[in-house]
């Protein structure tokens, strides 16, 4: 193989690799694979979560928390902080959710009370059917 041919083939391979490494993330950004995913329903018994208490669950591969708010009923929120993705913790004594990484605080509706989080926590749909809580 001549030197000129070898260099041409090498440049074609390197150029193709560079093009694919740029194009693939761009395509994944413009058309994320999870855009068409359906949510799966899950059921929990109401008596597992007394008023004022909470239970950690996983909803569609997302860590979430079911909170039984006294006088307001159940709510299901993502535990993933909207700031940097740390998992928020339920604080029973203050009735709020705290991000341990940067002290972001959310109320029991998932709204930002203080700290760096830019937006509220994701809410999941929830229905109470008899003695069960249906999530999703």
N, C-alpha and C. Protein backbone atom coordinates (compact mmCIF):
# COMPACT_ATOMS: atom_id res chain seq x y z
N UNK A 1 0.85 -1.17 0.00
CA UNK A 1 0.00 0.00 0.00
C UNK A 1 0.90 1.23 0.00
N UNK A 2 0.55 2.15 -0.86
CA UNK A 2 1.33 3.36 -0.95
C UNK A 2 1.01 4.28 0.22
N UNK A 3 1.96 5.10 0.51
CA UNK A 3 1.81 6.03 1.64
C UNK A 3 0.60 6.95 1.45
N UNK A 4 0.39 7.45 0.25
CA UNK A 4 -0.72 8.38 -0.02
C UNK A 4 -2.08 7.67 0.16
N UNK A 5 -2.18 6.43 -0.27
CA UNK A 5 -3.41 5.66 -0.11
C UNK A 5 -3.68 5.39 1.36
N UNK A 6 -2.62 5.00 2.08
CA UNK A 6 -2.76 4.74 3.52
C UNK A 6 -3.26 5.98 4.26
N UNK A 7 -2.68 7.14 3.96
CA UNK A 7 -3.10 8.37 4.62
C UNK A 7 -4.54 8.74 4.25
N UNK A 8 -4.96 8.49 3.02
CA UNK A 8 -6.34 8.77 2.61
C UNK A 8 -7.32 7.88 3.37
N UNK A 9 -7.02 6.60 3.50
CA UNK A 9 -7.90 5.68 4.23
C UNK A 9 -7.93 6.08 5.71
N UNK A 10 -6.78 6.39 6.27
CA UNK A 10 -6.72 6.81 7.68
C UNK A 10 -7.55 8.06 7.92
N UNK A 11 -7.47 9.03 7.05
CA UNK A 11 -8.25 10.27 7.19
C UNK A 11 -9.74 9.99 7.05
N UNK A 12 -10.11 9.08 6.15
CA UNK A 12 -11.54 8.73 5.99
C UNK A 12 -12.08 8.07 7.25
N UNK A 13 -11.31 7.16 7.86
CA UNK A 13 -11.74 6.48 9.08
C UNK A 13 -11.85 7.49 10.23
N UNK A 14 -10.84 8.32 10.41
CA UNK A 14 -10.88 9.32 11.49
C UNK A 14 -11.99 10.33 11.27
N UNK A 15 -12.23 10.75 10.05
CA UNK A 15 -13.31 11.69 9.76
C UNK A 15 -14.67 11.08 10.05
N UNK A 16 -14.84 9.81 9.67
CA UNK A 16 -16.11 9.13 9.93
C UNK A 16 -16.34 8.98 11.43
N UNK A 17 -15.30 8.64 12.17
CA UNK A 17 -15.42 8.50 13.62
C UNK A 17 -15.79 9.83 14.26
N UNK A 18 -15.17 10.89 13.83
CA UNK A 18 -15.49 12.21 14.37
C UNK A 18 -16.92 12.60 14.05
N UNK A 19 -17.38 12.32 12.84
CA UNK A 19 -18.75 12.66 12.44
C UNK A 19 -19.76 11.88 13.28
N UNK A 20 -19.55 10.59 13.47
CA UNK A 20 -20.47 9.77 14.26
C UNK A 20 -20.47 10.21 15.73
N UNK A 21 -19.28 10.51 16.28
CA UNK A 21 -19.23 10.92 17.68
C UNK A 21 -19.90 12.27 17.92
N UNK A 22 -20.04 13.09 16.91
CA UNK A 22 -20.77 14.35 17.03
C UNK A 22 -22.26 14.15 16.75
N UNK A 23 -22.58 13.37 15.74
CA UNK A 23 -23.97 13.21 15.31
C UNK A 23 -24.81 12.40 16.30
N UNK A 24 -24.25 11.33 16.90
CA UNK A 24 -25.02 10.47 17.79
C UNK A 24 -25.57 11.23 19.00
N UNK A 25 -24.75 11.98 19.74
CA UNK A 25 -25.33 12.74 20.87
C UNK A 25 -26.34 13.78 20.41
N UNK A 26 -26.14 14.37 19.25
CA UNK A 26 -27.09 15.36 18.75
C UNK A 26 -28.44 14.70 18.46
N UNK A 27 -28.42 13.54 17.84
CA UNK A 27 -29.66 12.83 17.54
C UNK A 27 -30.35 12.39 18.83
N UNK A 28 -29.58 11.90 19.83
CA UNK A 28 -30.16 11.49 21.12
C UNK A 28 -30.77 12.69 21.85
N UNK A 29 -30.17 13.86 21.69
CA UNK A 29 -30.71 15.06 22.32
C UNK A 29 -32.01 15.49 21.66
N UNK A 30 -32.06 15.45 20.33
CA UNK A 30 -33.23 15.91 19.60
C UNK A 30 -34.38 14.92 19.67
N UNK A 31 -34.10 13.63 19.78
CA UNK A 31 -35.14 12.60 19.86
C UNK A 31 -34.80 11.62 20.97
N UNK A 32 -35.04 11.98 22.24
CA UNK A 32 -34.71 11.07 23.34
C UNK A 32 -35.49 9.76 23.23
N UNK A 33 -34.85 8.68 23.65
CA UNK A 33 -35.48 7.36 23.49
C UNK A 33 -36.68 7.18 24.40
N UNK A 34 -36.75 7.86 25.53
CA UNK A 34 -37.84 7.68 26.48
C UNK A 34 -39.07 8.51 26.19
N UNK A 35 -39.11 9.24 25.07
CA UNK A 35 -40.22 10.13 24.79
C UNK A 35 -41.54 9.38 24.63
N UNK A 36 -41.52 8.17 24.13
CA UNK A 36 -42.75 7.44 23.89
C UNK A 36 -43.08 6.40 24.94
N UNK A 37 -42.33 6.38 26.04
CA UNK A 37 -42.57 5.37 27.06
C UNK A 37 -43.91 5.59 27.75
N UNK A 38 -44.57 4.50 28.05
CA UNK A 38 -45.83 4.57 28.78
C UNK A 38 -45.53 4.37 30.25
N UNK A 39 -46.35 5.01 31.06
CA UNK A 39 -46.17 4.85 32.50
C UNK A 39 -46.88 3.58 32.94
N UNK A 40 -46.26 2.90 33.88
CA UNK A 40 -46.85 1.69 34.42
C UNK A 40 -47.55 2.04 35.72
N UNK A 41 -48.69 1.40 35.95
CA UNK A 41 -49.43 1.64 37.18
C UNK A 41 -48.91 0.73 38.27
N UNK A 42 -48.98 1.25 39.48
CA UNK A 42 -48.59 0.44 40.63
C UNK A 42 -49.58 0.70 41.75
N UNK A 43 -49.78 -0.29 42.59
CA UNK A 43 -50.78 -0.20 43.64
C UNK A 43 -50.12 -0.45 45.01
N UNK A 44 -50.52 0.38 45.96
CA UNK A 44 -50.05 0.22 47.35
C UNK A 44 -51.29 0.25 48.24
N UNK A 45 -51.25 -0.44 49.34
CA UNK A 45 -52.37 -0.40 50.29
C UNK A 45 -52.29 0.90 51.10
N UNK A 46 -53.47 1.50 51.33
CA UNK A 46 -53.54 2.77 52.07
C UNK A 46 -53.03 2.62 53.49
N UNK A 47 -53.30 1.46 54.12
CA UNK A 47 -52.90 1.31 55.51
C UNK A 47 -51.39 1.16 55.71
N UNK A 48 -50.63 1.07 54.62
CA UNK A 48 -49.17 1.02 54.73
C UNK A 48 -48.59 2.38 55.08
N UNK A 49 -49.37 3.46 54.82
CA UNK A 49 -48.86 4.82 55.04
C UNK A 49 -49.85 5.57 55.93
N UNK A 50 -49.62 5.60 57.25
CA UNK A 50 -50.52 6.35 58.13
C UNK A 50 -50.39 7.86 57.89
N UNK A 51 -51.40 8.65 58.32
CA UNK A 51 -51.34 10.11 58.11
C UNK A 51 -50.05 10.71 58.69
N UNK A 52 -49.42 11.58 57.90
CA UNK A 52 -48.17 12.21 58.31
C UNK A 52 -46.94 11.40 57.98
N UNK A 53 -47.13 10.19 57.46
CA UNK A 53 -46.00 9.33 57.15
C UNK A 53 -45.78 9.28 55.64
N UNK A 54 -44.71 8.63 55.22
CA UNK A 54 -44.37 8.54 53.81
C UNK A 54 -43.72 7.20 53.52
N UNK A 55 -43.71 6.84 52.25
CA UNK A 55 -43.07 5.58 51.84
C UNK A 55 -42.31 5.82 50.55
N UNK A 56 -41.07 5.34 50.49
CA UNK A 56 -40.27 5.44 49.27
C UNK A 56 -40.64 4.33 48.31
N UNK A 57 -40.79 4.68 47.03
CA UNK A 57 -41.13 3.70 45.99
C UNK A 57 -40.33 4.03 44.73
N UNK A 58 -40.46 3.18 43.73
CA UNK A 58 -39.85 3.42 42.42
C UNK A 58 -41.00 3.45 41.41
N UNK A 59 -41.15 4.57 40.67
CA UNK A 59 -42.19 4.70 39.66
C UNK A 59 -41.50 4.90 38.30
N UNK A 60 -41.68 3.95 37.42
CA UNK A 60 -41.07 4.04 36.09
C UNK A 60 -39.58 4.35 36.17
N UNK A 61 -38.87 3.61 36.99
CA UNK A 61 -37.43 3.75 37.19
C UNK A 61 -37.02 5.08 37.82
N UNK A 62 -37.96 5.79 38.41
CA UNK A 62 -37.66 7.04 39.08
C UNK A 62 -37.94 6.88 40.58
N UNK A 63 -36.96 7.18 41.43
CA UNK A 63 -37.23 7.15 42.87
C UNK A 63 -38.32 8.17 43.21
N UNK A 64 -39.30 7.73 43.96
CA UNK A 64 -40.43 8.60 44.30
C UNK A 64 -40.81 8.38 45.75
N UNK A 65 -41.68 9.24 46.24
CA UNK A 65 -42.13 9.14 47.63
C UNK A 65 -43.64 9.37 47.65
N UNK A 66 -44.35 8.51 48.37
CA UNK A 66 -45.79 8.67 48.58
C UNK A 66 -45.96 9.27 49.97
N UNK A 67 -46.62 10.41 50.06
CA UNK A 67 -46.80 11.09 51.34
C UNK A 67 -48.29 11.14 51.64
N UNK A 68 -48.66 10.76 52.86
CA UNK A 68 -50.04 10.88 53.32
C UNK A 68 -50.13 12.17 54.12
N UNK A 69 -50.59 13.24 53.44
CA UNK A 69 -50.66 14.55 54.08
C UNK A 69 -51.93 14.61 54.93
N UNK A 70 -51.80 14.90 56.22
CA UNK A 70 -52.99 14.97 57.07
C UNK A 70 -53.99 16.01 56.55
N UNK A 71 -55.21 15.59 56.32
CA UNK A 71 -56.27 16.48 55.86
C UNK A 71 -56.25 16.77 54.37
N UNK A 72 -55.23 16.36 53.65
CA UNK A 72 -55.14 16.64 52.21
C UNK A 72 -55.06 15.37 51.37
N UNK A 73 -54.73 14.26 51.96
CA UNK A 73 -54.66 13.01 51.23
C UNK A 73 -53.27 12.71 50.71
N UNK A 74 -53.23 11.80 49.75
CA UNK A 74 -51.95 11.28 49.26
C UNK A 74 -51.42 12.11 48.10
N UNK A 75 -50.08 12.19 48.04
CA UNK A 75 -49.41 12.81 46.90
C UNK A 75 -48.17 11.97 46.61
N UNK A 76 -47.82 11.86 45.33
CA UNK A 76 -46.64 11.11 44.93
C UNK A 76 -45.71 12.07 44.20
N UNK A 77 -44.50 12.23 44.73
CA UNK A 77 -43.52 13.15 44.17
C UNK A 77 -42.24 12.40 43.84
N UNK A 78 -41.55 12.87 42.81
CA UNK A 78 -40.23 12.35 42.52
C UNK A 78 -39.29 12.74 43.64
N UNK A 79 -38.36 11.86 43.97
CA UNK A 79 -37.36 12.19 45.00
C UNK A 79 -36.12 12.81 44.39
N UNK A 80 -36.11 12.99 43.07
CA UNK A 80 -34.92 13.53 42.40
C UNK A 80 -34.98 15.06 42.43
N UNK A 81 -34.03 15.66 43.12
CA UNK A 81 -33.97 17.12 43.24
C UNK A 81 -33.75 17.73 41.86
N UNK A 82 -34.44 18.81 41.59
CA UNK A 82 -34.34 19.45 40.27
C UNK A 82 -33.09 20.29 40.13
N UNK A 83 -32.29 20.38 41.17
CA UNK A 83 -31.04 21.14 41.08
C UNK A 83 -29.95 20.30 40.43
N UNK A 84 -29.48 19.25 41.14
CA UNK A 84 -28.41 18.42 40.60
C UNK A 84 -28.71 16.93 40.66
N UNK A 85 -29.95 16.57 40.99
CA UNK A 85 -30.35 15.17 40.92
C UNK A 85 -30.13 14.36 42.18
N UNK A 86 -29.82 14.97 43.30
CA UNK A 86 -29.70 14.23 44.56
C UNK A 86 -31.10 13.77 44.98
N UNK A 87 -31.17 12.80 45.87
CA UNK A 87 -32.46 12.30 46.34
C UNK A 87 -32.90 13.08 47.58
N UNK A 88 -34.08 13.67 47.51
CA UNK A 88 -34.61 14.43 48.64
C UNK A 88 -35.12 13.48 49.71
N UNK A 89 -35.14 13.96 50.95
CA UNK A 89 -35.59 13.18 52.10
C UNK A 89 -36.80 13.85 52.72
N UNK A 90 -37.75 13.05 53.19
CA UNK A 90 -38.94 13.56 53.85
C UNK A 90 -38.61 13.90 55.30
N UNK A 91 -38.94 15.10 55.72
CA UNK A 91 -38.72 15.55 57.08
C UNK A 91 -40.08 15.60 57.78
N UNK A 92 -40.36 14.59 58.61
CA UNK A 92 -41.67 14.49 59.27
C UNK A 92 -41.91 15.65 60.24
N UNK A 93 -40.89 16.05 60.97
CA UNK A 93 -41.09 17.09 61.99
C UNK A 93 -41.43 18.45 61.38
N UNK A 94 -40.84 18.79 60.24
CA UNK A 94 -41.12 20.08 59.62
C UNK A 94 -42.10 19.96 58.45
N UNK A 95 -42.51 18.76 58.11
CA UNK A 95 -43.42 18.51 57.00
C UNK A 95 -42.91 19.16 55.70
N UNK A 96 -41.70 18.81 55.34
CA UNK A 96 -41.15 19.27 54.07
C UNK A 96 -40.18 18.22 53.52
N UNK A 97 -39.65 18.50 52.35
CA UNK A 97 -38.68 17.60 51.73
C UNK A 97 -37.37 18.38 51.59
N UNK A 98 -36.28 17.76 52.01
CA UNK A 98 -34.99 18.45 52.03
C UNK A 98 -34.00 17.71 51.14
N UNK A 99 -33.30 18.48 50.32
CA UNK A 99 -32.22 17.92 49.52
C UNK A 99 -30.95 17.99 50.36
N UNK A 100 -30.31 16.85 50.65
CA UNK A 100 -29.14 16.87 51.51
C UNK A 100 -27.89 17.45 50.85
N UNK A 101 -27.88 17.58 49.54
CA UNK A 101 -26.67 18.04 48.84
C UNK A 101 -26.46 19.55 48.99
N UNK A 102 -27.49 20.34 48.73
CA UNK A 102 -27.32 21.80 48.76
C UNK A 102 -28.43 22.49 49.53
N UNK A 103 -29.09 21.75 50.43
CA UNK A 103 -30.10 22.30 51.33
C UNK A 103 -31.30 22.91 50.62
N UNK A 104 -31.67 22.37 49.49
CA UNK A 104 -32.90 22.79 48.84
C UNK A 104 -34.08 22.25 49.64
N UNK A 105 -35.12 23.08 49.79
CA UNK A 105 -36.29 22.67 50.57
C UNK A 105 -37.53 22.79 49.70
N UNK A 106 -38.34 21.74 49.71
CA UNK A 106 -39.61 21.69 48.99
C UNK A 106 -40.74 21.54 50.00
N UNK A 107 -41.91 22.10 49.68
CA UNK A 107 -43.07 21.86 50.53
C UNK A 107 -43.71 20.52 50.13
N UNK A 108 -44.79 20.14 50.80
CA UNK A 108 -45.41 18.84 50.52
C UNK A 108 -46.20 18.82 49.23
N UNK A 109 -46.27 19.93 48.52
CA UNK A 109 -46.85 19.97 47.16
C UNK A 109 -45.75 19.79 46.12
N UNK A 110 -44.49 19.79 46.56
CA UNK A 110 -43.36 19.67 45.65
C UNK A 110 -42.81 21.00 45.18
N UNK A 111 -43.36 22.11 45.69
CA UNK A 111 -42.89 23.44 45.28
C UNK A 111 -41.61 23.81 46.03
N UNK A 112 -40.77 24.58 45.37
CA UNK A 112 -39.52 25.02 45.99
C UNK A 112 -39.83 26.07 47.04
N UNK A 113 -39.33 25.85 48.25
CA UNK A 113 -39.49 26.82 49.34
C UNK A 113 -38.24 27.68 49.47
N UNK A 114 -37.07 27.02 49.42
CA UNK A 114 -35.82 27.77 49.46
C UNK A 114 -34.70 26.92 48.89
N UNK A 115 -33.57 27.57 48.62
CA UNK A 115 -32.42 26.85 48.10
C UNK A 115 -32.28 26.99 46.60
N UNK A 116 -31.33 26.25 46.07
CA UNK A 116 -31.00 26.41 44.65
C UNK A 116 -31.90 25.69 43.62
N UNK A 117 -32.82 24.79 44.00
CA UNK A 117 -33.58 24.09 42.95
C UNK A 117 -34.33 25.08 42.05
N UNK A 118 -34.24 24.90 40.72
CA UNK A 118 -34.86 25.84 39.79
C UNK A 118 -36.34 25.61 39.56
N UNK A 119 -36.85 24.41 39.83
CA UNK A 119 -38.26 24.15 39.57
C UNK A 119 -38.79 23.11 40.55
N UNK A 120 -40.12 22.95 40.61
CA UNK A 120 -40.72 22.00 41.57
C UNK A 120 -40.40 20.55 41.24
N UNK A 121 -40.64 19.68 42.21
CA UNK A 121 -40.48 18.25 42.00
C UNK A 121 -41.55 17.73 41.05
N UNK A 122 -41.20 16.69 40.31
CA UNK A 122 -42.17 16.07 39.41
C UNK A 122 -43.25 15.37 40.23
N UNK A 123 -44.51 15.55 39.81
CA UNK A 123 -45.64 14.89 40.48
C UNK A 123 -46.12 13.74 39.61
N UNK A 124 -46.50 12.66 40.25
CA UNK A 124 -47.09 11.52 39.56
C UNK A 124 -48.57 11.49 39.88
N UNK A 125 -49.36 11.02 38.92
CA UNK A 125 -50.80 10.94 39.17
C UNK A 125 -51.09 9.85 40.20
N UNK A 126 -52.07 10.12 41.03
CA UNK A 126 -52.42 9.18 42.09
C UNK A 126 -53.94 9.19 42.26
N UNK A 127 -54.51 8.00 42.46
CA UNK A 127 -55.94 7.86 42.72
C UNK A 127 -56.12 6.90 43.88
N UNK A 128 -57.07 7.22 44.73
CA UNK A 128 -57.40 6.32 45.83
C UNK A 128 -58.64 5.55 45.42
N UNK A 129 -58.49 4.24 45.35
CA UNK A 129 -59.59 3.36 44.96
C UNK A 129 -59.82 2.36 46.09
N UNK A 130 -60.83 2.61 46.90
CA UNK A 130 -61.11 1.72 48.03
C UNK A 130 -59.98 1.76 49.03
N UNK A 131 -59.37 0.63 49.28
CA UNK A 131 -58.28 0.54 50.25
C UNK A 131 -56.91 0.64 49.58
N UNK A 132 -56.89 0.95 48.29
CA UNK A 132 -55.63 0.98 47.55
C UNK A 132 -55.32 2.37 47.00
N UNK A 133 -54.04 2.61 46.81
CA UNK A 133 -53.57 3.82 46.16
C UNK A 133 -53.01 3.38 44.81
N UNK A 134 -53.56 3.93 43.72
CA UNK A 134 -53.09 3.58 42.38
C UNK A 134 -52.24 4.73 41.87
N UNK A 135 -51.00 4.42 41.53
CA UNK A 135 -50.03 5.43 41.09
C UNK A 135 -49.72 5.19 39.62
N UNK A 136 -49.76 6.27 38.87
CA UNK A 136 -49.40 6.17 37.44
C UNK A 136 -50.55 6.36 36.51
